[in-house]
Amino acid sequence: MAKGYWIGRVEVHDAEGYAAYVAANAAAFRKYGGRFLVRAGQYETPEGESRSRNVVIEFPDYASALACWHSPEYQAARAHRLGRADTDLVVVEGYDGPQP
């Protein structure tokens, strides 16, 4: 079964407020099996636009990734981020088919 992923690009404007979001979101990620694969770190933008923080979170499957986003736990945590960071987020299904 293909895994699910959150892919986020974030520009933090209020580091203290964003830290409250980070602390609050942990319970939702644990509940739905979220695991950080990328959490800030070094990056290069060879094409297109980027933000200063990049995040990739892996979930057991696409349904879990979506359930986490829609959960009351995550939505409560998300309220801490609003107005403190500009965020682009997509929830995607991984690919587990044949490789070239």
N, C-alpha and C. Protein backbone atom coordinates (compact mmCIF):
# COMPACT_ATOMS: atom_id res chain seq x y z
N MET A 1 0.83 -1.18 0.00
CA MET A 1 0.00 0.00 0.00
C MET A 1 0.88 1.25 0.00
N ALA A 2 0.53 2.19 -0.83
CA ALA A 2 1.29 3.44 -0.93
C ALA A 2 1.13 4.28 0.34
N LYS A 3 2.20 4.92 0.73
CA LYS A 3 2.17 5.80 1.89
C LYS A 3 1.57 7.15 1.50
N GLY A 4 1.23 7.94 2.49
CA GLY A 4 0.76 9.29 2.28
C GLY A 4 1.79 10.28 2.80
N TYR A 5 1.79 11.46 2.21
CA TYR A 5 2.77 12.47 2.58
C TYR A 5 2.15 13.85 2.68
N TRP A 6 2.65 14.63 3.61
CA TRP A 6 2.41 16.07 3.62
C TRP A 6 3.70 16.69 3.12
N ILE A 7 3.59 17.59 2.16
CA ILE A 7 4.73 18.34 1.67
C ILE A 7 4.43 19.81 1.91
N GLY A 8 5.21 20.42 2.76
CA GLY A 8 4.96 21.80 3.13
C GLY A 8 6.14 22.70 2.85
N ARG A 9 5.82 23.92 2.46
CA ARG A 9 6.81 24.99 2.29
C ARG A 9 6.34 26.12 3.19
N VAL A 10 7.22 26.59 4.06
CA VAL A 10 6.81 27.51 5.13
C VAL A 10 7.75 28.70 5.21
N GLU A 11 7.16 29.86 5.40
CA GLU A 11 7.92 31.09 5.69
C GLU A 11 7.44 31.59 7.05
N VAL A 12 8.26 31.43 8.06
CA VAL A 12 7.90 31.79 9.43
C VAL A 12 8.14 33.29 9.64
N HIS A 13 7.12 33.97 10.19
CA HIS A 13 7.22 35.40 10.50
C HIS A 13 7.29 35.65 12.00
N ASP A 14 6.84 34.71 12.79
CA ASP A 14 6.82 34.84 14.25
C ASP A 14 7.32 33.52 14.83
N ALA A 15 8.63 33.47 15.10
CA ALA A 15 9.25 32.22 15.54
C ALA A 15 8.66 31.72 16.86
N GLU A 16 8.38 32.60 17.79
CA GLU A 16 7.83 32.17 19.08
C GLU A 16 6.43 31.57 18.90
N GLY A 17 5.62 32.23 18.11
CA GLY A 17 4.28 31.71 17.83
C GLY A 17 4.33 30.40 17.07
N TYR A 18 5.26 30.28 16.14
CA TYR A 18 5.41 29.05 15.37
C TYR A 18 5.85 27.91 16.26
N ALA A 19 6.67 28.20 17.24
CA ALA A 19 7.11 27.17 18.20
C ALA A 19 5.91 26.60 18.95
N ALA A 20 4.92 27.43 19.24
CA ALA A 20 3.71 26.93 19.89
C ALA A 20 2.97 25.96 18.97
N TYR A 21 2.94 26.24 17.70
CA TYR A 21 2.33 25.33 16.71
C TYR A 21 3.08 24.00 16.68
N VAL A 22 4.39 24.06 16.63
CA VAL A 22 5.21 22.83 16.59
C VAL A 22 4.94 21.97 17.82
N ALA A 23 4.87 22.59 18.98
CA ALA A 23 4.59 21.85 20.22
C ALA A 23 3.19 21.24 20.19
N ALA A 24 2.24 21.97 19.62
CA ALA A 24 0.85 21.51 19.63
C ALA A 24 0.56 20.43 18.59
N ASN A 25 1.33 20.37 17.51
CA ASN A 25 0.99 19.42 16.45
C ASN A 25 1.48 17.99 16.71
N ALA A 26 2.35 17.80 17.66
CA ALA A 26 2.95 16.49 17.90
C ALA A 26 1.92 15.40 18.20
N ALA A 27 0.90 15.72 18.97
CA ALA A 27 -0.10 14.71 19.34
C ALA A 27 -0.85 14.20 18.11
N ALA A 28 -1.20 15.08 17.19
CA ALA A 28 -1.90 14.66 15.97
C ALA A 28 -1.00 13.79 15.11
N PHE A 29 0.26 14.17 14.97
CA PHE A 29 1.16 13.37 14.14
C PHE A 29 1.38 11.99 14.75
N ARG A 30 1.50 11.91 16.07
CA ARG A 30 1.64 10.60 16.72
C ARG A 30 0.40 9.75 16.48
N LYS A 31 -0.77 10.34 16.68
CA LYS A 31 -2.03 9.60 16.55
C LYS A 31 -2.21 9.00 15.16
N TYR A 32 -1.79 9.72 14.12
CA TYR A 32 -2.00 9.26 12.75
C TYR A 32 -0.76 8.65 12.11
N GLY A 33 0.28 8.44 12.91
CA GLY A 33 1.47 7.76 12.41
C GLY A 33 2.39 8.62 11.57
N GLY A 34 2.32 9.95 11.74
CA GLY A 34 3.18 10.85 10.98
C GLY A 34 4.63 10.76 11.44
N ARG A 35 5.52 10.81 10.47
CA ARG A 35 6.96 10.72 10.74
C ARG A 35 7.68 11.72 9.85
N PHE A 36 8.46 12.61 10.46
CA PHE A 36 9.18 13.62 9.69
C PHE A 36 10.31 12.99 8.88
N LEU A 37 10.31 13.24 7.59
CA LEU A 37 11.42 12.85 6.72
C LEU A 37 12.31 14.06 6.44
N VAL A 38 11.68 15.22 6.35
CA VAL A 38 12.39 16.49 6.15
C VAL A 38 11.78 17.48 7.13
N ARG A 39 12.65 18.17 7.85
CA ARG A 39 12.17 19.17 8.82
C ARG A 39 13.20 20.29 8.84
N ALA A 40 12.99 21.25 7.94
CA ALA A 40 13.93 22.35 7.71
C ALA A 40 15.20 21.78 7.08
N GLY A 41 16.36 22.11 7.58
CA GLY A 41 17.60 21.60 7.00
C GLY A 41 18.02 22.37 5.75
N GLN A 42 19.13 21.95 5.20
CA GLN A 42 19.67 22.60 4.01
C GLN A 42 18.81 22.30 2.79
N TYR A 43 18.80 23.24 1.86
CA TYR A 43 18.08 23.02 0.61
C TYR A 43 18.63 23.94 -0.46
N GLU A 44 18.33 23.61 -1.68
CA GLU A 44 18.66 24.42 -2.85
C GLU A 44 17.42 24.46 -3.73
N THR A 45 17.15 25.58 -4.35
CA THR A 45 16.01 25.71 -5.24
C THR A 45 16.53 25.84 -6.67
N PRO A 46 16.71 24.72 -7.37
CA PRO A 46 17.24 24.80 -8.73
C PRO A 46 16.24 25.32 -9.75
N GLU A 47 14.96 25.33 -9.38
CA GLU A 47 13.94 25.81 -10.31
C GLU A 47 12.71 26.25 -9.52
N GLY A 48 12.07 27.32 -9.95
CA GLY A 48 10.85 27.78 -9.31
C GLY A 48 11.13 28.60 -8.07
N GLU A 49 10.11 28.72 -7.22
CA GLU A 49 10.20 29.51 -6.00
C GLU A 49 10.20 28.59 -4.79
N SER A 50 10.71 29.12 -3.69
CA SER A 50 10.72 28.33 -2.46
C SER A 50 10.45 29.24 -1.28
N ARG A 51 10.32 28.62 -0.14
CA ARG A 51 10.22 29.33 1.13
C ARG A 51 11.40 28.88 1.98
N SER A 52 11.60 29.51 3.12
CA SER A 52 12.80 29.24 3.90
C SER A 52 12.77 27.94 4.69
N ARG A 53 11.60 27.31 4.82
CA ARG A 53 11.49 26.06 5.59
C ARG A 53 10.71 25.05 4.76
N ASN A 54 11.25 23.85 4.65
CA ASN A 54 10.60 22.77 3.90
C ASN A 54 10.37 21.59 4.84
N VAL A 55 9.20 20.96 4.70
CA VAL A 55 8.82 19.86 5.58
C VAL A 55 8.18 18.75 4.76
N VAL A 56 8.59 17.52 5.02
CA VAL A 56 7.93 16.34 4.44
C VAL A 56 7.62 15.40 5.59
N ILE A 57 6.34 15.03 5.71
CA ILE A 57 5.90 14.11 6.76
C ILE A 57 5.29 12.89 6.10
N GLU A 58 5.75 11.73 6.48
CA GLU A 58 5.26 10.46 5.93
C GLU A 58 4.22 9.86 6.86
N PHE A 59 3.15 9.33 6.27
CA PHE A 59 2.09 8.64 7.01
C PHE A 59 1.96 7.22 6.48
N PRO A 60 1.37 6.32 7.26
CA PRO A 60 1.24 4.93 6.81
C PRO A 60 0.52 4.79 5.46
N ASP A 61 -0.42 5.69 5.18
CA ASP A 61 -1.15 5.66 3.91
C ASP A 61 -1.79 7.02 3.68
N TYR A 62 -2.34 7.21 2.49
CA TYR A 62 -2.95 8.48 2.10
C TYR A 62 -4.14 8.82 3.01
N ALA A 63 -4.95 7.81 3.34
CA ALA A 63 -6.12 8.05 4.20
C ALA A 63 -5.69 8.59 5.57
N SER A 64 -4.59 8.10 6.12
CA SER A 64 -4.10 8.59 7.41
C SER A 64 -3.60 10.03 7.30
N ALA A 65 -2.95 10.34 6.18
CA ALA A 65 -2.46 11.70 5.96
C ALA A 65 -3.63 12.68 5.91
N LEU A 66 -4.68 12.31 5.19
CA LEU A 66 -5.87 13.17 5.11
C LEU A 66 -6.59 13.25 6.45
N ALA A 67 -6.71 12.12 7.12
CA ALA A 67 -7.40 12.09 8.42
C ALA A 67 -6.69 12.99 9.42
N CYS A 68 -5.37 13.00 9.39
CA CYS A 68 -4.62 13.86 10.29
C CYS A 68 -4.94 15.33 10.01
N TRP A 69 -4.91 15.71 8.74
CA TRP A 69 -5.21 17.10 8.37
C TRP A 69 -6.59 17.52 8.88
N HIS A 70 -7.58 16.66 8.70
CA HIS A 70 -8.96 17.00 9.05
C HIS A 70 -9.27 16.80 10.54
N SER A 71 -8.35 16.23 11.29
CA SER A 71 -8.63 15.90 12.69
C SER A 71 -8.78 17.15 13.55
N PRO A 72 -9.61 17.04 14.59
CA PRO A 72 -9.73 18.17 15.53
C PRO A 72 -8.39 18.49 16.20
N GLU A 73 -7.58 17.46 16.44
CA GLU A 73 -6.28 17.68 17.08
C GLU A 73 -5.38 18.57 16.22
N TYR A 74 -5.32 18.23 14.92
CA TYR A 74 -4.45 19.04 14.06
C TYR A 74 -5.02 20.43 13.83
N GLN A 75 -6.31 20.51 13.64
CA GLN A 75 -6.91 21.83 13.39
C GLN A 75 -6.72 22.76 14.59
N ALA A 76 -6.75 22.21 15.79
CA ALA A 76 -6.47 23.03 16.97
C ALA A 76 -5.01 23.50 16.96
N ALA A 77 -4.10 22.62 16.59
CA ALA A 77 -2.69 23.00 16.50
C ALA A 77 -2.48 24.03 15.39
N ARG A 78 -3.14 23.84 14.27
CA ARG A 78 -3.01 24.73 13.11
C ARG A 78 -3.35 26.17 13.48
N ALA A 79 -4.28 26.35 14.38
CA ALA A 79 -4.68 27.70 14.80
C ALA A 79 -3.49 28.49 15.35
N HIS A 80 -2.50 27.80 15.93
CA HIS A 80 -1.30 28.46 16.44
C HIS A 80 -0.40 28.96 15.30
N ARG A 81 -0.50 28.34 14.13
CA ARG A 81 0.35 28.71 13.00
C ARG A 81 -0.22 29.88 12.20
N LEU A 82 -1.53 29.97 12.14
CA LEU A 82 -2.17 30.99 11.31
C LEU A 82 -1.75 32.39 11.74
N GLY A 83 -1.34 33.20 10.78
CA GLY A 83 -0.87 34.54 11.06
C GLY A 83 0.57 34.62 11.49
N ARG A 84 1.17 33.47 11.73
CA ARG A 84 2.57 33.42 12.17
C ARG A 84 3.51 32.89 11.11
N ALA A 85 2.92 32.25 10.08
CA ALA A 85 3.73 31.68 9.00
C ALA A 85 2.86 31.58 7.74
N ASP A 86 3.48 31.84 6.60
CA ASP A 86 2.82 31.57 5.32
C ASP A 86 3.18 30.14 4.94
N THR A 87 2.17 29.36 4.58
CA THR A 87 2.39 27.93 4.35
C THR A 87 1.69 27.47 3.08
N ASP A 88 2.41 26.71 2.27
CA ASP A 88 1.83 25.95 1.17
C ASP A 88 1.93 24.49 1.57
N LEU A 89 0.83 23.77 1.51
CA LEU A 89 0.83 22.37 1.93
C LEU A 89 0.03 21.55 0.95
N VAL A 90 0.59 20.42 0.54
CA VAL A 90 -0.16 19.45 -0.26
C VAL A 90 -0.11 18.12 0.47
N VAL A 91 -1.20 17.38 0.36
CA VAL A 91 -1.27 16.01 0.88
C VAL A 91 -1.29 15.12 -0.35
N VAL A 92 -0.32 14.21 -0.46
CA VAL A 92 -0.19 13.39 -1.65
C VAL A 92 -0.10 11.91 -1.30
N GLU A 93 -0.50 11.11 -2.27
CA GLU A 93 -0.35 9.66 -2.15
C GLU A 93 0.99 9.28 -2.76
N GLY A 94 1.75 8.46 -2.05
CA GLY A 94 3.03 7.99 -2.57
C GLY A 94 2.83 7.02 -3.72
N TYR A 95 3.91 6.68 -4.35
CA TYR A 95 3.90 5.76 -5.48
C TYR A 95 4.69 4.52 -5.09
N ASP A 96 4.08 3.35 -5.23
CA ASP A 96 4.82 2.13 -4.92
C ASP A 96 4.80 1.15 -6.08
N GLY A 97 4.65 1.68 -7.29
CA GLY A 97 4.65 0.86 -8.51
C GLY A 97 6.06 0.61 -9.01
N PRO A 98 6.13 0.06 -10.21
CA PRO A 98 7.44 -0.24 -10.80
C PRO A 98 8.27 1.03 -11.03
N GLN A 99 9.55 0.87 -10.89
CA GLN A 99 10.49 1.97 -11.12
C GLN A 99 11.20 1.75 -12.45
N PRO A 100 11.63 2.84 -13.06
CA PRO A 100 12.33 2.71 -14.35
C PRO A 100 13.65 1.97 -14.21
